[in-house]
């Protein structure tokens, strides 16, 4: 998996063209309010922690496989 910092739209056009918008990392923040993005870059919001909580709330592990809510909370430490 690529780090977003390593994702180059010009070089990876073929990759992004093959993805649906909902799976394309370029669009991940399109509907996020600017004030939240500002807080994230200032370190006031931990996006990594929020992603872990969301995965736990879905009951899935770090690979997206269903493990149940309690197990997922333990896996993600939330």
PDB file of N, CA and C in Angstrom:
ATOM      1  N   UNK A   1       0.836  -1.174   0.000  1.00  0.00           N
ATOM      2  CA  UNK A   1       0.000   0.000   0.000  1.00  0.00           C
ATOM      3  C   UNK A   1       0.883   1.240   0.000  1.00  0.00           C
ATOM      4  N   UNK A   2       0.507   2.229  -0.762  1.00  0.00           N
ATOM      5  CA  UNK A   2       1.277   3.473  -0.843  1.00  0.00           C
ATOM      6  C   UNK A   2       0.914   4.411   0.286  1.00  0.00           C
ATOM      7  N   UNK A   3       1.926   5.089   0.796  1.00  0.00           N
ATOM      8  CA  UNK A   3       1.655   6.211   1.685  1.00  0.00           C
ATOM      9  C   UNK A   3       1.104   7.328   0.826  1.00  0.00           C
ATOM     10  N   UNK A   4       0.195   8.105   1.375  1.00  0.00           N
ATOM     11  CA  UNK A   4      -0.402   9.189   0.601  1.00  0.00           C
ATOM     12  C   UNK A   4       0.673  10.178   0.151  1.00  0.00           C
ATOM     13  N   UNK A   5       1.732  10.351   0.960  1.00  0.00           N
ATOM     14  CA  UNK A   5       2.807  11.275   0.573  1.00  0.00           C
ATOM     15  C   UNK A   5       3.560  10.770  -0.654  1.00  0.00           C
ATOM     16  N   UNK A   6       3.482   9.462  -0.908  1.00  0.00           N
ATOM     17  CA  UNK A   6       4.162   8.880  -2.055  1.00  0.00           C
ATOM     18  C   UNK A   6       3.259   8.782  -3.277  1.00  0.00           C
ATOM     19  N   UNK A   7       2.024   9.202  -3.137  1.00  0.00           N
ATOM     20  CA  UNK A   7       1.059   9.104  -4.215  1.00  0.00           C
ATOM     21  C   UNK A   7       1.198  10.308  -5.122  1.00  0.00           C
ATOM     22  N   UNK A   8       1.509  10.071  -6.362  1.00  0.00           N
ATOM     23  CA  UNK A   8       1.711  11.146  -7.318  1.00  0.00           C
ATOM     24  C   UNK A   8       0.662  11.013  -8.417  1.00  0.00           C
ATOM     25  N   UNK A   9      -0.253  11.967  -8.490  1.00  0.00           N
ATOM     26  CA  UNK A   9      -1.345  11.883  -9.458  1.00  0.00           C
ATOM     27  C   UNK A   9      -0.822  11.731 -10.877  1.00  0.00           C
ATOM     28  N   UNK A  10       0.232  12.450 -11.216  1.00  0.00           N
ATOM     29  CA  UNK A  10       0.752  12.388 -12.587  1.00  0.00           C
ATOM     30  C   UNK A  10       1.307  11.018 -12.933  1.00  0.00           C
ATOM     31  N   UNK A  11       1.990  10.387 -11.968  1.00  0.00           N
ATOM     32  CA  UNK A  11       2.585   9.085 -12.240  1.00  0.00           C
ATOM     33  C   UNK A  11       1.592   7.942 -12.062  1.00  0.00           C
ATOM     34  N   UNK A  12       0.578   8.147 -11.235  1.00  0.00           N
ATOM     35  CA  UNK A  12      -0.314   7.064 -10.866  1.00  0.00           C
ATOM     36  C   UNK A  12      -1.705   7.195 -11.478  1.00  0.00           C
ATOM     37  N   UNK A  13      -1.804   7.900 -12.588  1.00  0.00           N
ATOM     38  CA  UNK A  13      -3.106   8.128 -13.210  1.00  0.00           C
ATOM     39  C   UNK A  13      -3.784   6.811 -13.544  1.00  0.00           C
ATOM     40  N   UNK A  14      -3.053   5.866 -14.062  1.00  0.00           N
ATOM     41  CA  UNK A  14      -3.663   4.589 -14.409  1.00  0.00           C
ATOM     42  C   UNK A  14      -4.261   3.938 -13.168  1.00  0.00           C
ATOM     43  N   UNK A  15      -3.544   3.986 -12.030  1.00  0.00           N
ATOM     44  CA  UNK A  15      -4.054   3.389 -10.797  1.00  0.00           C
ATOM     45  C   UNK A  15      -5.341   4.067 -10.348  1.00  0.00           C
ATOM     46  N   UNK A  16      -5.369   5.395 -10.317  1.00  0.00           N
ATOM     47  CA  UNK A  16      -6.546   6.099  -9.824  1.00  0.00           C
ATOM     48  C   UNK A  16      -7.711   5.991 -10.787  1.00  0.00           C
ATOM     49  N   UNK A  17      -7.439   5.882 -12.070  1.00  0.00           N
ATOM     50  CA  UNK A  17      -8.520   5.746 -13.041  1.00  0.00           C
ATOM     51  C   UNK A  17      -9.259   4.423 -12.866  1.00  0.00           C
ATOM     52  N   UNK A  18      -8.592   3.437 -12.325  1.00  0.00           N
ATOM     53  CA  UNK A  18      -9.198   2.125 -12.153  1.00  0.00           C
ATOM     54  C   UNK A  18      -9.995   2.021 -10.860  1.00  0.00           C
ATOM     55  N   UNK A  19      -9.883   3.009  -9.977  1.00  0.00           N
ATOM     56  CA  UNK A  19     -10.570   2.969  -8.698  1.00  0.00           C
ATOM     57  C   UNK A  19     -11.881   3.734  -8.758  1.00  0.00           C
ATOM     58  N   UNK A  20     -12.869   3.234  -8.027  1.00  0.00           N
ATOM     59  CA  UNK A  20     -14.087   4.016  -7.876  1.00  0.00           C
ATOM     60  C   UNK A  20     -13.757   5.213  -6.982  1.00  0.00           C
ATOM     61  N   UNK A  21     -14.547   6.264  -7.077  1.00  0.00           N
ATOM     62  CA  UNK A  21     -14.285   7.462  -6.280  1.00  0.00           C
ATOM     63  C   UNK A  21     -14.235   7.150  -4.787  1.00  0.00           C
ATOM     64  N   UNK A  22     -15.094   6.261  -4.321  1.00  0.00           N
ATOM     65  CA  UNK A  22     -15.135   5.957  -2.887  1.00  0.00           C
ATOM     66  C   UNK A  22     -13.907   5.191  -2.405  1.00  0.00           C
ATOM     67  N   UNK A  23     -13.149   4.590  -3.315  1.00  0.00           N
ATOM     68  CA  UNK A  23     -11.928   3.872  -2.942  1.00  0.00           C
ATOM     69  C   UNK A  23     -10.666   4.634  -3.321  1.00  0.00           C
ATOM     70  N   UNK A  24     -10.817   5.763  -3.961  1.00  0.00           N
ATOM     71  CA  UNK A  24      -9.681   6.531  -4.449  1.00  0.00           C
ATOM     72  C   UNK A  24      -9.177   7.474  -3.359  1.00  0.00           C
ATOM     73  N   UNK A  25      -7.927   7.318  -2.910  1.00  0.00           N
ATOM     74  CA  UNK A  25      -7.412   8.157  -1.820  1.00  0.00           C
ATOM     75  C   UNK A  25      -7.359   9.643  -2.152  1.00  0.00           C
ATOM     76  N   UNK A  26      -7.351   9.968  -3.416  1.00  0.00           N
ATOM     77  CA  UNK A  26      -7.316  11.383  -3.796  1.00  0.00           C
ATOM     78  C   UNK A  26      -8.586  12.107  -3.342  1.00  0.00           C
ATOM     79  N   UNK A  27      -9.684  11.383  -3.234  1.00  0.00           N
ATOM     80  CA  UNK A  27     -10.964  11.996  -2.890  1.00  0.00           C
ATOM     81  C   UNK A  27     -11.349  11.837  -1.418  1.00  0.00           C
ATOM     82  N   UNK A  28     -10.460  11.309  -0.599  1.00  0.00           N
ATOM     83  CA  UNK A  28     -10.816  10.971   0.781  1.00  0.00           C
ATOM     84  C   UNK A  28     -11.347  12.159   1.581  1.00  0.00           C
ATOM     85  N   UNK A  29     -10.851  13.357   1.311  1.00  0.00           N
ATOM     86  CA  UNK A  29     -11.257  14.526   2.096  1.00  0.00           C
ATOM     87  C   UNK A  29     -12.152  15.492   1.327  1.00  0.00           C
ATOM     88  N   UNK A  30     -12.678  15.088   0.188  1.00  0.00           N
ATOM     89  CA  UNK A  30     -13.488  16.002  -0.621  1.00  0.00           C
ATOM     90  C   UNK A  30     -14.677  16.583   0.116  1.00  0.00           C
ATOM     91  N   UNK A  31     -15.305  15.810   0.970  1.00  0.00           N
ATOM     92  CA  UNK A  31     -16.489  16.308   1.668  1.00  0.00           C
ATOM     93  C   UNK A  31     -16.191  16.741   3.097  1.00  0.00           C
ATOM     94  N   UNK A  32     -14.919  16.738   3.464  1.00  0.00           N
ATOM     95  CA  UNK A  32     -14.529  17.141   4.816  1.00  0.00           C
ATOM     96  C   UNK A  32     -14.446  18.660   4.902  1.00  0.00           C
ATOM     97  N   UNK A  33     -15.061  19.206   5.922  1.00  0.00           N
ATOM     98  CA  UNK A  33     -15.070  20.654   6.100  1.00  0.00           C
ATOM     99  C   UNK A  33     -13.640  21.166   6.290  1.00  0.00           C
ATOM    100  N   UNK A  34     -13.363  22.320   5.736  1.00  0.00           N
ATOM    101  CA  UNK A  34     -12.033  22.930   5.794  1.00  0.00           C
ATOM    102  C   UNK A  34     -11.537  23.071   7.228  1.00  0.00           C
ATOM    103  N   UNK A  35     -12.411  23.435   8.147  1.00  0.00           N
ATOM    104  CA  UNK A  35     -11.979  23.620   9.538  1.00  0.00           C
ATOM    105  C   UNK A  35     -11.447  22.320  10.134  1.00  0.00           C
ATOM    106  N   UNK A  36     -12.006  21.193   9.744  1.00  0.00           N
ATOM    107  CA  UNK A  36     -11.505  19.906  10.233  1.00  0.00           C
ATOM    108  C   UNK A  36     -10.157  19.570   9.609  1.00  0.00           C
ATOM    109  N   UNK A  37      -9.988  19.883   8.348  1.00  0.00           N
ATOM    110  CA  UNK A  37      -8.693  19.645   7.699  1.00  0.00           C
ATOM    111  C   UNK A  37      -7.606  20.501   8.337  1.00  0.00           C
ATOM    112  N   UNK A  38      -7.938  21.739   8.657  1.00  0.00           N
ATOM    113  CA  UNK A  38      -6.977  22.637   9.311  1.00  0.00           C
ATOM    114  C   UNK A  38      -6.580  22.067  10.670  1.00  0.00           C
ATOM    115  N   UNK A  39      -7.556  21.587  11.432  1.00  0.00           N
ATOM    116  CA  UNK A  39      -7.251  20.992  12.742  1.00  0.00           C
ATOM    117  C   UNK A  39      -6.379  19.749  12.579  1.00  0.00           C
ATOM    118  N   UNK A  40      -6.624  18.974  11.544  1.00  0.00           N
ATOM    119  CA  UNK A  40      -5.838  17.762  11.309  1.00  0.00           C
ATOM    120  C   UNK A  40      -4.379  18.099  11.021  1.00  0.00           C
ATOM    121  N   UNK A  41      -4.123  19.085  10.167  1.00  0.00           N
ATOM    122  CA  UNK A  41      -2.730  19.402   9.849  1.00  0.00           C
ATOM    123  C   UNK A  41      -2.020  20.090  11.002  1.00  0.00           C
ATOM    124  N   UNK A  42      -2.785  20.685  11.912  1.00  0.00           N
ATOM    125  CA  UNK A  42      -2.194  21.291  13.109  1.00  0.00           C
ATOM    126  C   UNK A  42      -1.974  20.260  14.210  1.00  0.00           C
ATOM    127  N   UNK A  43      -2.412  19.026  13.979  1.00  0.00           N
ATOM    128  CA  UNK A  43      -2.244  17.977  14.974  1.00  0.00           C
ATOM    129  C   UNK A  43      -3.321  17.989  16.048  1.00  0.00           C
ATOM    130  N   UNK A  44      -4.369  18.747  15.839  1.00  0.00           N
ATOM    131  CA  UNK A  44      -5.450  18.825  16.815  1.00  0.00           C
ATOM    132  C   UNK A  44      -6.431  17.661  16.664  1.00  0.00           C
ATOM    133  N   UNK A  45      -6.403  17.020  15.525  1.00  0.00           N
ATOM    134  CA  UNK A  45      -7.214  15.826  15.262  1.00  0.00           C
ATOM    135  C   UNK A  45      -6.264  14.745  14.776  1.00  0.00           C
ATOM    136  N   UNK A  46      -6.339  13.580  15.386  1.00  0.00           N
ATOM    137  CA  UNK A  46      -5.504  12.451  15.000  1.00  0.00           C
ATOM    138  C   UNK A  46      -6.282  11.583  14.006  1.00  0.00           C
ATOM    139  N   UNK A  47      -6.004  11.741  12.721  1.00  0.00           N
ATOM    140  CA  UNK A  47      -6.722  11.005  11.685  1.00  0.00           C
ATOM    141  C   UNK A  47      -6.495   9.500  11.787  1.00  0.00           C
ATOM    142  N   UNK A  48      -5.303   9.109  12.197  1.00  0.00           N
ATOM    143  CA  UNK A  48      -4.980   7.691  12.363  1.00  0.00           C
ATOM    144  C   UNK A  48      -5.869   7.090  13.453  1.00  0.00           C
ATOM    145  N   UNK A  49      -6.008   7.797  14.568  1.00  0.00           N
ATOM    146  CA  UNK A  49      -6.844   7.322  15.669  1.00  0.00           C
ATOM    147  C   UNK A  49      -8.310   7.244  15.242  1.00  0.00           C
ATOM    148  N   UNK A  50      -8.770   8.236  14.498  1.00  0.00           N
ATOM    149  CA  UNK A  50     -10.150   8.210  14.019  1.00  0.00           C
ATOM    150  C   UNK A  50     -10.397   7.034  13.070  1.00  0.00           C
ATOM    151  N   UNK A  51      -9.422   6.720  12.236  1.00  0.00           N
ATOM    152  CA  UNK A  51      -9.551   5.576  11.329  1.00  0.00           C
ATOM    153  C   UNK A  51      -9.636   4.272  12.119  1.00  0.00           C
ATOM    154  N   UNK A  52      -8.809   4.150  13.164  1.00  0.00           N
ATOM    155  CA  UNK A  52      -8.857   2.951  14.006  1.00  0.00           C
ATOM    156  C   UNK A  52     -10.220   2.820  14.683  1.00  0.00           C
ATOM    157  N   UNK A  53     -10.756   3.915  15.193  1.00  0.00           N
ATOM    158  CA  UNK A  53     -12.073   3.882  15.836  1.00  0.00           C
ATOM    159  C   UNK A  53     -13.155   3.489  14.838  1.00  0.00           C
ATOM    160  N   UNK A  54     -13.059   3.996  13.617  1.00  0.00           N
ATOM    161  CA  UNK A  54     -14.051   3.665  12.598  1.00  0.00           C
ATOM    162  C   UNK A  54     -13.994   2.182  12.241  1.00  0.00           C
ATOM    163  N   UNK A  55     -12.789   1.647  12.113  1.00  0.00           N
ATOM    164  CA  UNK A  55     -12.656   0.213  11.826  1.00  0.00           C
ATOM    165  C   UNK A  55     -13.213  -0.620  12.976  1.00  0.00           C
ATOM    166  N   UNK A  56     -12.928  -0.213  14.213  1.00  0.00           N
ATOM    167  CA  UNK A  56     -13.472  -0.919  15.371  1.00  0.00           C
ATOM    168  C   UNK A  56     -14.997  -0.839  15.377  1.00  0.00           C
ATOM    169  N   UNK A  57     -15.542   0.314  15.045  1.00  0.00           N
ATOM    170  CA  UNK A  57     -17.003   0.479  14.998  1.00  0.00           C
ATOM    171  C   UNK A  57     -17.646  -0.374  13.904  1.00  0.00           C
ATOM    172  N   UNK A  58     -16.859  -0.728  12.907  1.00  0.00           N
ATOM    173  CA  UNK A  58     -17.362  -1.606  11.845  1.00  0.00           C
ATOM    174  C   UNK A  58     -17.139  -3.080  12.174  1.00  0.00           C
ATOM    175  N   UNK A  59     -16.363  -3.338  13.238  1.00  0.00           N
ATOM    176  CA  UNK A  59     -16.101  -4.709  13.659  1.00  0.00           C
ATOM    177  C   UNK A  59     -15.103  -5.439  12.797  1.00  0.00           C
ATOM    178  N   UNK A  60     -14.185  -4.691  12.166  1.00  0.00           N
ATOM    179  CA  UNK A  60     -13.217  -5.330  11.267  1.00  0.00           C
ATOM    180  C   UNK A  60     -11.788  -5.128  11.768  1.00  0.00           C
ATOM    181  N   UNK A  61     -10.901  -6.022  11.334  1.00  0.00           N
ATOM    182  CA  UNK A  61      -9.497  -5.923  11.721  1.00  0.00           C
ATOM    183  C   UNK A  61      -8.745  -4.983  10.784  1.00  0.00           C
ATOM    184  N   UNK A  62      -7.423  -4.972  10.898  1.00  0.00           N
ATOM    185  CA  UNK A  62      -6.601  -4.056  10.096  1.00  0.00           C
ATOM    186  C   UNK A  62      -6.589  -4.397   8.611  1.00  0.00           C
ATOM    187  N   UNK A  63      -7.132  -5.562   8.259  1.00  0.00           N
ATOM    188  CA  UNK A  63      -7.232  -5.956   6.850  1.00  0.00           C
ATOM    189  C   UNK A  63      -8.653  -5.854   6.318  1.00  0.00           C
ATOM    190  N   UNK A  64      -9.560  -5.369   7.144  1.00  0.00           N
ATOM    191  CA  UNK A  64     -10.942  -5.202   6.723  1.00  0.00           C
ATOM    192  C   UNK A  64     -11.801  -6.450   6.864  1.00  0.00           C
ATOM    193  N   UNK A  65     -11.295  -7.452   7.564  1.00  0.00           N
ATOM    194  CA  UNK A  65     -12.057  -8.684   7.754  1.00  0.00           C
ATOM    195  C   UNK A  65     -12.884  -8.595   9.034  1.00  0.00           C
ATOM    196  N   UNK A  66     -14.120  -9.063   8.959  1.00  0.00           N
ATOM    197  CA  UNK A  66     -15.018  -9.060  10.109  1.00  0.00           C
ATOM    198  C   UNK A  66     -14.448  -9.943  11.219  1.00  0.00           C
ATOM    199  N   UNK A  67     -14.320  -9.363  12.417  1.00  0.00           N
ATOM    200  CA  UNK A  67     -13.851 -10.110  13.588  1.00  0.00           C
ATOM    201  C   UNK A  67     -14.785  -9.908  14.768  1.00  0.00           C
ATOM    202  N   UNK A  68     -15.770  -9.054  14.618  1.00  0.00           N
ATOM    203  CA  UNK A  68     -16.680  -8.735  15.713  1.00  0.00           C
ATOM    204  C   UNK A  68     -16.256  -7.450  16.398  1.00  0.00           C
ATOM    205  N   UNK A  69     -17.218  -6.798  17.013  1.00  0.00           N
ATOM    206  CA  UNK A  69     -16.955  -5.480  17.592  1.00  0.00           C
ATOM    207  C   UNK A  69     -15.973  -5.518  18.760  1.00  0.00           C
ATOM    208  N   UNK A  70     -16.143  -6.461  19.670  1.00  0.00           N
ATOM    209  CA  UNK A  70     -15.245  -6.526  20.828  1.00  0.00           C
ATOM    210  C   UNK A  70     -13.808  -6.834  20.417  1.00  0.00           C
ATOM    211  N   UNK A  71     -13.644  -7.790  19.528  1.00  0.00           N
ATOM    212  CA  UNK A  71     -12.297  -8.138  19.055  1.00  0.00           C
ATOM    213  C   UNK A  71     -11.675  -6.974  18.298  1.00  0.00           C
ATOM    214  N   UNK A  72     -12.461  -6.313  17.477  1.00  0.00           N
ATOM    215  CA  UNK A  72     -11.940  -5.185  16.708  1.00  0.00           C
ATOM    216  C   UNK A  72     -11.487  -4.054  17.623  1.00  0.00           C
ATOM    217  N   UNK A  73     -12.226  -3.801  18.691  1.00  0.00           N
ATOM    218  CA  UNK A  73     -11.820  -2.768  19.651  1.00  0.00           C
ATOM    219  C   UNK A  73     -10.485  -3.120  20.290  1.00  0.00           C
ATOM    220  N   UNK A  74     -10.283  -4.404  20.604  1.00  0.00           N
ATOM    221  CA  UNK A  74      -9.009  -4.841  21.187  1.00  0.00           C
ATOM    222  C   UNK A  74      -7.881  -4.701  20.179  1.00  0.00           C
ATOM    223  N   UNK A  75      -8.127  -5.123  18.957  1.00  0.00           N
ATOM    224  CA  UNK A  75      -7.108  -5.046  17.902  1.00  0.00           C
ATOM    225  C   UNK A  75      -6.650  -3.617  17.701  1.00  0.00           C
ATOM    226  N   UNK A  76      -7.610  -2.692  17.654  1.00  0.00           N
ATOM    227  CA  UNK A  76      -7.293  -1.296  17.355  1.00  0.00           C
ATOM    228  C   UNK A  76      -6.999  -0.460  18.596  1.00  0.00           C
ATOM    229  N   UNK A  77      -7.143  -1.075  19.759  1.00  0.00           N
ATOM    230  CA  UNK A  77      -6.805  -0.375  21.004  1.00  0.00           C
ATOM    231  C   UNK A  77      -7.717   0.792  21.323  1.00  0.00           C
ATOM    232  N   UNK A  78      -8.987   0.643  21.008  1.00  0.00           N
ATOM    233  CA  UNK A  78      -9.945   1.737  21.294  1.00  0.00           C
ATOM    234  C   UNK A  78     -11.032   1.260  22.242  1.00  0.00           C
TER     235      UNK A  78
END
